[in-house]
Structures are given as C-alpha cells and as structure tokens.
Protein backbone atom coordinates (compact mmCIF):
# COMPACT_ATOMS: atom_id res chain seq x y z
CA MET A 1 23.06 -36.50 -11.86
CA ARG A 2 19.54 -37.48 -12.85
CA ARG A 3 16.77 -34.88 -12.38
CA GLY A 4 15.08 -36.88 -9.63
CA ALA A 5 18.31 -37.10 -7.67
CA VAL A 6 18.91 -33.37 -8.08
CA LEU A 7 15.42 -32.60 -6.80
CA LEU A 8 15.93 -34.88 -3.82
CA ALA A 9 19.22 -33.17 -2.98
CA LEU A 10 17.61 -29.75 -3.19
CA MET A 11 14.68 -30.87 -1.05
CA LEU A 12 17.16 -31.82 1.63
CA MET A 13 18.91 -28.46 1.28
CA THR A 14 15.68 -26.39 1.36
CA GLY A 15 13.58 -28.31 3.84
CA GLY A 16 11.49 -30.08 1.21
CA ALA A 17 10.18 -26.88 -0.40
CA VAL A 18 10.96 -27.53 -4.05
CA ALA A 19 8.71 -26.90 -7.03
CA ASP A 20 9.42 -28.80 -10.24
CA ASP A 21 9.00 -25.91 -12.70
CA GLY A 22 12.60 -24.79 -12.36
CA VAL A 23 12.05 -21.29 -10.90
CA THR A 24 9.58 -21.45 -7.98
CA THR A 25 9.51 -22.83 -4.46
CA THR A 26 6.62 -24.12 -2.34
CA GLU A 27 8.29 -22.93 0.88
CA ARG A 28 5.79 -20.84 2.91
CA GLY A 29 7.85 -20.08 6.03
CA ARG A 30 10.44 -17.48 7.07
CA ASP A 31 12.84 -18.70 4.37
CA ALA A 32 10.35 -18.50 1.50
CA TYR A 33 12.36 -15.75 -0.25
CA SER A 34 15.73 -17.47 0.22
CA GLN A 35 15.39 -20.68 -1.78
CA PRO A 36 17.51 -21.49 -4.86
CA PHE A 37 16.03 -22.53 -8.16
CA PRO A 38 15.32 -26.26 -8.08
CA GLY A 39 17.57 -28.33 -10.30
CA LEU A 40 20.83 -26.41 -9.87
CA ASP A 41 23.79 -28.66 -10.45
CA ALA A 42 26.69 -29.03 -8.01
CA GLY A 43 28.74 -26.20 -9.52
CA GLU A 44 25.75 -23.87 -9.64
CA ARG A 45 24.85 -24.63 -6.03
CA GLU A 46 28.42 -23.82 -5.01
CA GLN A 47 28.26 -20.46 -6.78
CA PHE A 48 24.83 -19.80 -5.26
CA VAL A 49 26.26 -20.38 -1.77
CA ARG A 50 29.23 -18.11 -2.45
CA GLY A 51 26.92 -15.33 -3.58
CA ARG A 52 24.65 -15.86 -0.59
CA SER A 53 27.64 -15.54 1.74
CA LEU A 54 28.62 -12.22 0.14
CA PHE A 55 25.04 -10.93 0.35
CA ARG A 56 24.97 -11.70 4.08
CA GLN A 57 28.59 -10.72 4.75
CA ALA A 58 29.38 -7.83 7.08
CA TRP A 59 32.02 -5.75 5.27
CA VAL A 60 34.86 -4.29 7.34
CA VAL A 61 37.17 -1.31 7.22
CA ALA A 62 40.44 -1.83 5.35
CA PRO A 63 43.03 -3.05 6.00
CA SER A 64 41.90 -6.29 7.60
CA ARG A 65 43.15 -9.84 7.82
CA ASP A 66 40.48 -10.93 5.36
CA GLU A 67 41.06 -8.81 2.27
CA ARG A 68 38.12 -10.45 0.50
CA VAL A 69 35.61 -8.46 2.56
CA ASP A 70 37.40 -5.23 3.48
CA GLY A 71 36.95 -1.80 1.96
CA LEU A 72 33.81 -0.61 3.76
CA GLY A 73 33.12 3.08 3.18
CA PRO A 74 34.61 5.64 3.57
CA LEU A 75 30.90 6.60 3.61
CA TYR A 76 28.17 4.01 3.88
CA ASN A 77 24.68 3.27 5.15
CA ARG A 78 24.85 -0.36 6.28
CA LEU A 79 27.43 -3.09 6.78
CA THR A 80 25.59 -5.78 4.81
CA CYS A 81 23.25 -6.16 1.85
CA ILE A 82 20.83 -8.18 3.95
CA SER A 83 20.30 -5.21 6.29
CA CYS A 84 18.14 -3.43 3.72
CA HIS A 85 16.62 -6.65 2.35
CA PRO A 86 15.96 -8.69 5.52
CA LYS A 87 15.65 -12.39 4.65
CA ASN A 88 15.65 -11.22 1.00
CA GLY A 89 12.33 -9.43 1.57
CA ARG A 90 11.23 -5.82 1.71
CA GLY A 91 12.57 -3.33 4.22
CA ARG A 92 10.52 -1.06 6.42
CA ALA A 93 10.58 2.61 7.29
CA PRO A 94 11.26 3.99 10.78
CA ASP A 95 8.23 4.16 13.07
CA GLY A 96 8.91 7.80 13.84
CA PRO A 97 11.55 10.39 14.76
CA GLY A 98 12.89 8.21 17.58
CA SER A 99 13.78 5.36 15.20
CA ARG A 100 16.86 5.13 13.02
CA MET A 101 16.75 4.13 9.38
CA GLN A 102 17.61 0.44 9.19
CA ALA A 103 16.28 -0.66 5.80
CA MET A 104 15.65 2.73 4.24
CA LEU A 105 17.80 5.30 2.47
CA VAL A 106 17.27 8.77 1.03
CA ARG A 107 18.04 9.58 -2.60
CA LEU A 108 19.36 13.10 -3.22
CA SER A 109 19.76 15.28 -6.30
CA VAL A 110 19.51 18.89 -7.45
CA PRO A 111 17.62 20.28 -10.44
CA GLY A 112 19.19 19.34 -13.74
CA THR A 113 20.70 16.15 -15.14
CA ASP A 114 24.06 14.42 -15.15
CA PRO A 115 25.96 13.89 -18.45
CA HIS A 116 23.92 10.76 -19.22
CA GLY A 117 20.49 12.25 -18.51
CA GLY A 118 20.17 10.88 -14.98
CA PRO A 119 19.67 12.77 -11.72
CA LYS A 120 22.28 15.45 -10.99
CA PRO A 121 24.03 14.60 -7.69
CA HIS A 122 24.08 17.10 -4.87
CA PRO A 123 27.48 18.88 -5.04
CA ARG A 124 28.25 18.15 -1.37
CA TYR A 125 26.33 14.95 -0.60
CA GLY A 126 26.16 13.04 -3.86
CA ASP A 127 23.14 10.98 -4.93
CA GLN A 128 22.16 9.55 -1.55
CA LEU A 129 22.63 10.37 2.10
CA ASN A 130 25.26 8.12 3.71
CA GLU A 131 24.68 8.35 7.44
CA GLU A 132 27.82 6.48 8.50
CA GLY A 133 31.56 6.97 8.04
CA ILE A 134 34.60 4.87 8.87
CA PRO A 135 36.98 6.11 11.62
CA GLY A 136 38.31 9.51 10.62
CA VAL A 137 35.47 10.24 8.19
CA SER A 138 32.29 11.97 9.30
CA GLY A 139 29.00 10.45 8.25
CA GLU A 140 26.95 12.84 6.17
CA GLY A 141 24.12 13.36 8.65
CA ARG A 142 20.83 11.95 9.87
CA ALA A 143 17.46 11.74 8.15
CA VAL A 144 14.46 11.74 10.48
CA VAL A 145 11.01 10.53 9.46
CA ARG A 146 7.75 11.87 10.84
CA TRP A 147 4.35 10.68 9.66
CA ASP A 148 1.47 12.93 8.62
CA GLU A 149 -1.93 11.20 8.57
CA HIS A 150 -5.32 11.81 7.01
CA GLU A 151 -8.53 9.83 6.62
CA VAL A 152 -10.31 8.61 3.50
CA SER A 153 -13.74 6.98 3.26
CA LEU A 154 -14.68 3.83 1.37
CA GLY A 155 -17.99 3.36 -0.40
CA ASP A 156 -19.55 1.44 2.48
CA GLY A 157 -18.60 4.10 5.02
CA GLU A 158 -15.46 2.46 6.43
CA ARG A 159 -12.79 5.02 7.18
CA ILE A 160 -9.09 4.34 6.56
CA ARG A 161 -6.21 6.39 7.88
CA LEU A 162 -3.36 6.94 5.42
CA ARG A 163 0.10 8.22 6.37
CA LYS A 164 2.82 10.00 4.43
CA PRO A 165 6.47 10.52 5.44
CA ARG A 166 7.88 13.95 6.17
CA LEU A 167 11.67 14.15 6.24
CA SER A 168 14.01 16.43 8.13
CA PHE A 169 17.81 16.38 8.21
CA HIS A 170 20.07 16.81 11.22
CA GLU A 171 23.77 16.75 12.11
CA LEU A 172 24.75 17.56 8.54
CA SER A 173 28.54 17.38 8.28
CA TYR A 174 29.19 19.06 4.94
CA GLY A 175 26.97 22.12 4.87
CA ALA A 176 23.36 22.87 4.07
CA LEU A 177 21.39 20.76 1.61
CA ALA A 178 19.72 23.88 0.15
CA GLN A 179 17.67 23.21 -3.02
CA VAL A 180 17.79 19.46 -2.72
CA LEU A 181 15.35 16.94 -4.19
CA VAL A 182 14.82 14.03 -1.82
CA SER A 183 13.19 10.61 -2.10
CA PRO A 184 13.05 8.11 0.77
CA ARG A 185 13.17 4.46 -0.36
CA VAL A 186 12.89 1.14 1.46
CA GLY A 187 14.75 -1.92 0.21
CA PRO A 188 12.60 -4.03 -2.15
CA PRO A 189 12.44 -7.86 -2.20
CA VAL A 190 15.24 -9.49 -4.20
CA TYR A 191 13.83 -12.89 -5.28
CA GLY A 192 12.99 -13.48 -8.94
CA LEU A 193 15.35 -10.77 -10.19
CA GLY A 194 17.02 -13.01 -12.76
CA LEU A 195 13.67 -13.63 -14.44
CA LEU A 196 12.90 -9.91 -14.62
CA ASP A 197 16.41 -9.30 -15.95
CA ALA A 198 15.61 -11.63 -18.83
CA VAL A 199 12.54 -9.68 -20.04
CA SER A 200 13.76 -8.07 -23.25
CA GLY A 201 13.74 -4.39 -24.04
CA GLU A 202 11.67 -5.16 -27.13
CA THR A 203 9.01 -6.73 -24.93
CA LEU A 204 8.93 -3.65 -22.72
CA LEU A 205 8.60 -1.34 -25.70
CA ALA A 206 5.74 -3.47 -27.04
CA LEU A 207 3.97 -3.29 -23.68
CA ALA A 208 4.34 0.48 -23.62
CA ALA A 209 2.91 0.75 -27.13
CA GLU A 210 -0.25 -1.22 -26.34
CA ARG A 211 -3.54 0.67 -26.16
CA LYS A 212 -4.83 0.54 -22.60
CA PRO A 213 -8.14 1.44 -20.96
CA ASP A 214 -8.88 4.15 -18.38
CA GLY A 215 -6.19 6.52 -19.65
CA VAL A 216 -3.41 4.20 -18.50
CA ARG A 217 -0.22 4.80 -20.44
CA GLY A 218 3.07 3.50 -19.04
CA ARG A 219 6.45 3.94 -20.65
CA VAL A 220 9.94 2.53 -20.70
CA ASN A 221 12.51 4.48 -18.72
CA ARG A 222 15.64 4.86 -20.85
CA VAL A 223 18.67 4.72 -18.55
CA TRP A 224 22.44 4.63 -18.80
CA SER A 225 24.26 1.30 -18.98
CA ALA A 226 27.62 1.74 -17.25
CA GLN A 227 28.86 -1.49 -18.82
CA ARG A 228 27.77 -0.93 -22.43
CA MET A 229 28.00 2.88 -22.37
CA ARG A 230 24.61 3.54 -23.92
CA LEU A 231 20.98 4.20 -23.03
CA GLU A 232 18.86 1.08 -22.51
CA ALA A 233 15.50 0.05 -21.11
CA GLY A 234 15.34 0.32 -17.32
CA ARG A 235 14.06 -2.63 -15.27
CA PHE A 236 15.25 -2.30 -11.68
CA GLY A 237 14.84 0.30 -8.97
CA HIS A 238 11.68 2.01 -7.81
CA LYS A 239 11.76 4.22 -10.92
CA ALA A 240 13.23 1.56 -13.27
CA ASN A 241 16.45 3.58 -13.30
CA THR A 242 18.85 0.63 -13.78
CA PRO A 243 19.09 -1.49 -16.94
CA ASP A 244 20.20 -4.85 -15.56
CA LEU A 245 20.82 -6.90 -12.46
CA ARG A 246 24.61 -6.68 -12.53
CA GLN A 247 24.55 -2.87 -12.55
CA GLN A 248 21.89 -2.82 -9.84
CA ILE A 249 24.17 -4.88 -7.59
CA ALA A 250 27.33 -2.88 -8.35
CA GLY A 251 25.46 0.40 -7.82
CA ALA A 252 24.11 -0.73 -4.46
CA MET A 253 27.53 -1.93 -3.35
CA VAL A 254 29.17 1.43 -3.95
CA GLY A 255 26.18 3.54 -2.95
CA ASP A 256 25.14 1.72 0.23
CA LEU A 257 28.41 0.18 1.45
CA GLY A 258 31.12 2.19 -0.30
CA ILE A 259 32.46 -0.95 -2.03
CA THR A 260 33.97 -0.16 -5.43
CA SER A 261 33.92 -2.48 -8.45
CA SER A 262 35.19 -2.47 -12.01
CA MET A 263 31.82 -1.01 -13.02
CA PHE A 264 31.95 1.77 -10.42
CA PRO A 265 35.63 2.20 -9.48
CA ARG A 266 35.37 5.60 -7.76
CA GLN A 267 34.69 5.97 -4.04
CA ASN A 268 31.43 7.68 -3.07
CA CYS A 269 33.10 10.94 -1.96
CA SER A 270 32.15 14.40 -3.17
CA GLU A 271 34.76 17.06 -3.92
CA VAL A 272 34.32 18.83 -0.56
CA GLN A 273 34.69 15.63 1.49
CA SER A 274 38.48 15.72 1.83
CA ASP A 275 38.76 13.15 4.64
CA CYS A 276 36.65 10.75 2.59
CA LYS A 277 38.81 11.24 -0.52
CA HIS A 278 42.02 10.50 1.40
CA ALA A 279 40.76 7.53 3.43
CA VAL A 280 42.31 4.10 3.09
CA ASP A 281 40.61 1.74 0.65
CA GLY A 282 40.43 -2.02 0.26
CA GLY A 283 42.13 -2.19 -3.12
CA GLN A 284 41.24 -1.27 -6.68
CA PRO A 285 38.55 -2.43 -7.01
CA GLU A 286 37.33 -3.64 -3.63
CA LEU A 287 34.76 -6.06 -5.08
CA THR A 288 36.37 -8.40 -7.59
CA ASP A 289 34.63 -9.36 -10.81
CA THR A 290 34.41 -12.92 -9.51
CA GLN A 291 32.58 -11.70 -6.41
CA LEU A 292 30.26 -9.61 -8.57
CA ASP A 293 29.62 -12.70 -10.70
CA ASP A 294 28.76 -14.70 -7.58
CA LEU A 295 26.40 -12.04 -6.24
CA SER A 296 24.74 -11.78 -9.64
CA PHE A 297 24.30 -15.55 -9.87
CA TYR A 298 22.83 -15.73 -6.36
CA LEU A 299 20.26 -13.00 -6.92
CA ALA A 300 19.44 -14.27 -10.41
CA HIS A 301 18.62 -17.75 -9.08
CA LEU A 302 16.52 -16.98 -6.01
CA ALA A 303 13.27 -18.87 -6.53
CA VAL A 304 9.90 -17.14 -6.54
CA PRO A 305 7.33 -18.42 -4.00
CA ALA A 306 4.63 -20.35 -5.82
CA SER A 307 1.10 -18.98 -5.51
CA ARG A 308 -1.14 -20.69 -2.98
CA ASP A 309 -4.80 -21.51 -2.36
CA GLY A 310 -5.88 -20.89 -5.93
CA ASP A 311 -8.77 -23.34 -5.57
CA HIS A 312 -10.37 -21.37 -2.70
CA ASP A 313 -13.59 -19.61 -3.67
CA ASP A 314 -12.60 -16.26 -2.19
CA VAL A 315 -9.26 -16.33 -4.00
CA ARG A 316 -10.98 -17.11 -7.32
CA ARG A 317 -13.46 -14.28 -6.75
CA GLY A 318 -10.64 -11.95 -5.79
CA LYS A 319 -8.69 -12.80 -8.94
CA ALA A 320 -11.71 -11.97 -11.08
CA THR A 321 -12.18 -8.71 -9.19
CA PHE A 322 -8.50 -7.83 -9.66
CA ALA A 323 -8.98 -8.03 -13.41
CA ALA A 324 -12.38 -6.30 -13.39
CA LEU A 325 -11.06 -3.31 -11.44
CA GLY A 326 -8.31 -2.77 -14.02
CA CYS A 327 -5.41 -3.71 -11.74
CA ALA A 328 -4.07 -6.24 -14.24
CA VAL A 329 -3.52 -3.54 -16.87
CA CYS A 330 -0.30 -2.55 -15.09
CA HIS A 331 0.19 -5.51 -12.73
CA ARG A 332 0.27 -7.87 -15.70
CA PRO A 333 -0.13 -11.49 -14.60
CA GLN A 334 2.25 -12.89 -17.22
CA LEU A 335 5.39 -11.91 -19.07
CA VAL A 336 7.65 -13.94 -21.35
CA THR A 337 11.39 -13.76 -20.86
CA GLY A 338 13.91 -13.57 -23.67
CA THR A 339 17.32 -15.20 -23.91
CA HIS A 340 19.56 -14.09 -21.06
CA PRO A 341 23.24 -13.79 -22.07
CA ASN A 342 24.55 -15.33 -18.83
CA PHE A 343 21.78 -17.33 -17.16
CA PRO A 344 20.09 -19.94 -19.36
CA ARG A 345 17.75 -21.07 -16.58
CA VAL A 346 15.83 -17.77 -16.72
CA SER A 347 15.61 -17.71 -20.53
CA VAL A 348 12.47 -18.16 -22.65
CA ARG A 349 9.99 -18.72 -19.84
CA THR A 350 6.44 -17.63 -19.15
CA ILE A 351 6.48 -16.02 -15.71
CA GLU A 352 3.78 -14.54 -13.48
CA PRO A 353 5.32 -11.47 -11.81
CA TYR A 354 2.25 -9.17 -11.88
CA THR A 355 4.17 -6.22 -13.29
CA ASP A 356 4.79 -4.61 -16.66
CA LEU A 357 8.14 -3.09 -15.52
CA LEU A 358 6.99 0.24 -16.98
CA VAL A 359 6.85 3.56 -15.17
CA HIS A 360 3.44 5.15 -14.66
CA ASP A 361 2.15 8.47 -13.39
CA MET A 362 0.89 7.55 -9.92
CA GLY A 363 -0.43 10.97 -8.97
CA GLU A 364 0.59 13.79 -6.67
CA GLY A 365 -0.02 11.80 -3.48
CA LEU A 366 2.84 9.40 -4.24
CA ALA A 367 5.05 11.96 -6.00
CA ASP A 368 8.57 12.59 -4.76
CA GLY A 369 9.19 15.42 -7.25
CA ARG A 370 12.56 13.89 -8.17
CA PRO A 371 13.06 12.98 -11.85
CA ASP A 372 15.22 9.97 -12.69
CA PHE A 373 16.18 9.75 -16.37
CA LEU A 374 12.81 9.79 -18.22
CA ALA A 375 10.79 8.96 -15.10
CA GLY A 376 9.23 12.12 -13.75
CA GLY A 377 8.57 13.13 -10.17
CA ARG A 378 5.13 11.47 -10.21
CA GLU A 379 6.20 8.28 -11.99
CA TRP A 380 7.07 4.90 -10.47
CA ARG A 381 7.79 1.46 -11.82
CA THR A 382 4.98 -1.08 -11.36
CA PRO A 383 6.27 -3.27 -8.52
CA PRO A 384 5.99 -7.05 -8.97
CA LEU A 385 3.34 -8.66 -6.77
CA TRP A 386 4.59 -12.25 -6.86
CA GLY A 387 5.34 -13.46 -3.35
CA ILE A 388 3.66 -10.44 -1.74
CA GLY A 389 1.32 -12.61 0.33
CA LEU A 390 4.26 -13.92 2.38
CA THR A 391 5.54 -10.47 3.37
CA GLU A 392 4.35 -10.74 6.96
CA VAL A 393 5.55 -14.33 7.37
CA VAL A 394 9.05 -13.54 6.13
CA GLY A 395 9.54 -9.97 7.28
CA GLU A 396 7.18 -9.79 10.26
CA HIS A 397 5.58 -6.61 8.93
CA THR A 398 3.07 -5.53 6.28
CA PHE A 399 4.52 -2.23 5.03
CA TYR A 400 4.34 -1.50 1.31
CA LEU A 401 5.08 1.07 -1.42
CA HIS A 402 8.42 2.67 -2.21
CA ASP A 403 8.72 4.44 1.12
CA GLY A 404 6.90 1.94 3.33
CA ARG A 405 4.04 4.34 4.06
CA ALA A 406 1.27 1.77 3.51
CA ARG A 407 0.71 -0.37 6.63
CA ASN A 408 -1.34 -2.95 4.75
CA LEU A 409 -2.47 -3.75 1.22
CA THR A 410 -5.67 -1.72 1.53
CA GLU A 411 -3.67 1.43 2.26
CA ALA A 412 -1.30 0.63 -0.62
CA ILE A 413 -4.22 0.46 -3.07
CA LEU A 414 -5.80 3.65 -1.75
CA TRP A 415 -2.59 5.60 -2.38
CA HIS A 416 -2.84 4.82 -6.12
CA GLY A 417 -3.46 8.02 -8.09
CA GLY A 418 -2.76 9.40 -11.53
CA GLU A 419 -3.26 6.71 -14.16
CA ALA A 420 -4.58 4.36 -11.46
CA VAL A 421 -7.43 6.59 -10.23
CA PRO A 422 -10.22 4.66 -12.02
CA ALA A 423 -9.03 1.32 -10.62
CA ARG A 424 -8.53 2.84 -7.17
CA ASN A 425 -12.03 4.33 -7.17
CA ARG A 426 -13.58 1.01 -8.19
CA PHE A 427 -11.79 -0.64 -5.30
CA ALA A 428 -13.01 2.02 -2.86
CA ALA A 429 -16.59 1.42 -4.05
CA LEU A 430 -16.52 -2.35 -3.39
CA ASP A 431 -18.47 -3.83 -0.51
CA ARG A 432 -16.51 -5.40 2.34
CA GLN A 433 -16.88 -8.98 1.07
CA ALA A 434 -15.54 -8.09 -2.38
CA ARG A 435 -12.62 -6.17 -0.87
CA GLU A 436 -11.75 -9.11 1.37
CA SER A 437 -11.83 -11.47 -1.60
CA LEU A 438 -9.46 -9.21 -3.50
CA LEU A 439 -7.10 -9.12 -0.53
CA ALA A 440 -7.34 -12.90 -0.24
CA PHE A 441 -6.20 -13.16 -3.85
CA LEU A 442 -3.25 -10.82 -3.28
CA ASN A 443 -2.27 -12.79 -0.20
CA SER A 444 -2.32 -15.97 -2.28
CA LEU A 445 0.44 -14.66 -4.55
C-alpha cells in the first residue's frame, strides 16, 4: 500500500490525528495517549489491536471457558493493565484514608539485596503488597494513605502548600511487616516506550559521563536482565530498575495480576502463603510468548503526542526559561535511539522525550529510603516530559511525581531537591509572569 493510502487509513482509524513523522500523533483529546504509530501496515495494525485488547482485558480466575485470559492471581492488585494506566496515562493516588488504591501500588523489601543485587523481598509479603486474592486465598492486606502538608514561599511572596503521603497498613493476613522498606508508586504513562527502549546502553553511559553544571551527576542503574541473565542498563520503572520493555511488561503481569510468563514462571506466593502456593493456575505459563509479543508490540508502537503551540510567545519564553534554570540538564530535550532488535520503526531516530533516563539524587524530601539495584533511597529516574501537557485532558487530573503527591506542575517542581536544588531555587525566585511562561511551555509538550 502506498504511504498516502496508509496515512489515510490510519486517519480514519484514529479520528484524523496522524502526524507524518512516523512516531507522533496530533490527537489532543481523551485518546491522545492511545494512538498507534502512523504508517503501520495491515499486519502491524492487527498485532497492535491484539496487544491493545490484552492491555485492556480483564483477566479471570482459572479455570474458565476462555483459557486465553484466565490465571488471575492467586494474589493480585488489579484485574487489568489499564486500571493502573487509565487511557494509557498516569495513575493517581488515593485522596485520603477513605479511598482505595486504584492506580497505585506499594513496593516492599527488607534491608539487603537479592542474589542479583536487587531489592530483597519481604519474607512474608514479597516485593509488593497485593491487596486482592482469588477465592480461597486471602489478599495480603490494605495500604492506607494519609497526606501531611506544609507550606513553602516563592520569591514574590506566593505561598504553596505541598503534601507528602504517609502510609499505614491494615488487615494484614500473613503477619507483621516489621522492618519493611516501603515505596508507594502510581502507574506512569505508557506511550513512547518503544522509543525509550531503543536508546542504547552506550548512549546512557555517555550521558552519565558528561560534565554537568550545578553539581548535577546522574548515573546508569545497572539491573538484572531475566532474559539474558546479566546486568544491563536500566531504563524503565521509577528507579530505572528494569532493562527493557519486554521485562517491564512481564514483571508487571506477574506482580500486579499474578499472570506468569516464560520470563517469570513462578506464582507471586511467598513460602508462608500456603493457600496461594496450592491455588489453581491457568497453565504453565499463563501468558503465552505470543501474547507477550503482542503486548510488547502494542506498547512499543503507541505514538507520542506532538508538542503544541510552539509559536506562542509565552511558550517560547517558557522554553528559554526551562533551559536557563537548568531543567534541561536532566530533562534532556533530545535523545538518539539505536537499532532495536525487534522494532525497526523505533530505530535510529532523534526523539524529544525530555529525559536522560538516568537516576539522580532528588533529595530527602522525595526519598523513599528503599534502594533498588544501584539506585539509592534518594535516587529516581528522570521522568520523560513528552505529552505531559495533556495529562488533565486524558486523565482528568493533574497529579505528578512517583507517588502522585504533586497536585500540579508547580508543586512537582518545588519538590525537586538534591542535585536539582539550584534549578528549583531559580524557579522559586521567578516572578509570576516568568513562572506562568514556564508552565505554558510544559503544557505545550
């Protein structure tokens, strides 16, 4: 099929929101994070749709009439992937102790490391709290969020209230948590992941080695590849604790839904959870390699929303301010992808994700105190900013950072500490007009 015909077909499929650069979409509405790459051929579109169906599929307890989607649990958090990534966007934290976690989970570990240098799972509860269990298996318990608030002042006298989550645990089914390290996390957006997957480890090492101003450092998290059985550069996860997209998907399937795969064939049961260990499963493994391929293709080929309003004066001023403050040192405007072994459409491209994919010391205010491979308790991966300006349109909220504590972009910036203190302080010293221009630029991404 000629390129023009392919573009026309995709315009019909995506409501006319197709960009002709191969990886972005001009869609600005509720489905802005759900568009395929333009130019996919018929076979690729079919695989994209299969992966999308699996991402949105509600998994069921085995045995069921549809063996393709059974095997939920025995322990799990949600029934679907889309629950934690609503409309492929970011999740949000509970409003308070009366609200259940819907798009948030709690990582767990104890002091020490596992055999590969990663977090050491809790002996009774594993590496995350699974609140739900299938019939006959008790869910692990409930995590409750309360918010502690304090005020900070900007240079022009405006006062901003910041909030921080405080967790408590209730209805624990398998004993006390004791000396546990905890980290609440909301689901991040999932568009553009194939492009980030294609950034080479050599590129990341070169970025880490660059001399940077203001005491900014940044480093590559070296993490375990379950497929290649070696340490590699981390790219995904809030602490860059996963080396590639396929492992990120397989890890989420078993951790969040209890769906095993060839990469992670063991159920998410600890030694003391006897009912969990003896529960019925959906086969060995429950997620086939073909299904994992389809999920990987879908998430690798979700288009990135194109930036908007770049010719507006306030956006241009805000972009200049973003660079002048030092934000672009970590939120790098451009990266170049390498050659991806499976997805040629993401290979050898200049992309604009506004991240360096490195982990940085972000200060005590954002610290969770939970190491993850080389990433310490104060370190977090630089989150990509592309598409961030459509958060409210798609997700109907404006909550940011790894635990959703920031209720708007101003709060998110003011939480920056550690290596980001100089940039944060320059932002706080701006007058209102300059701050609004900066926010206009971020909302144009």
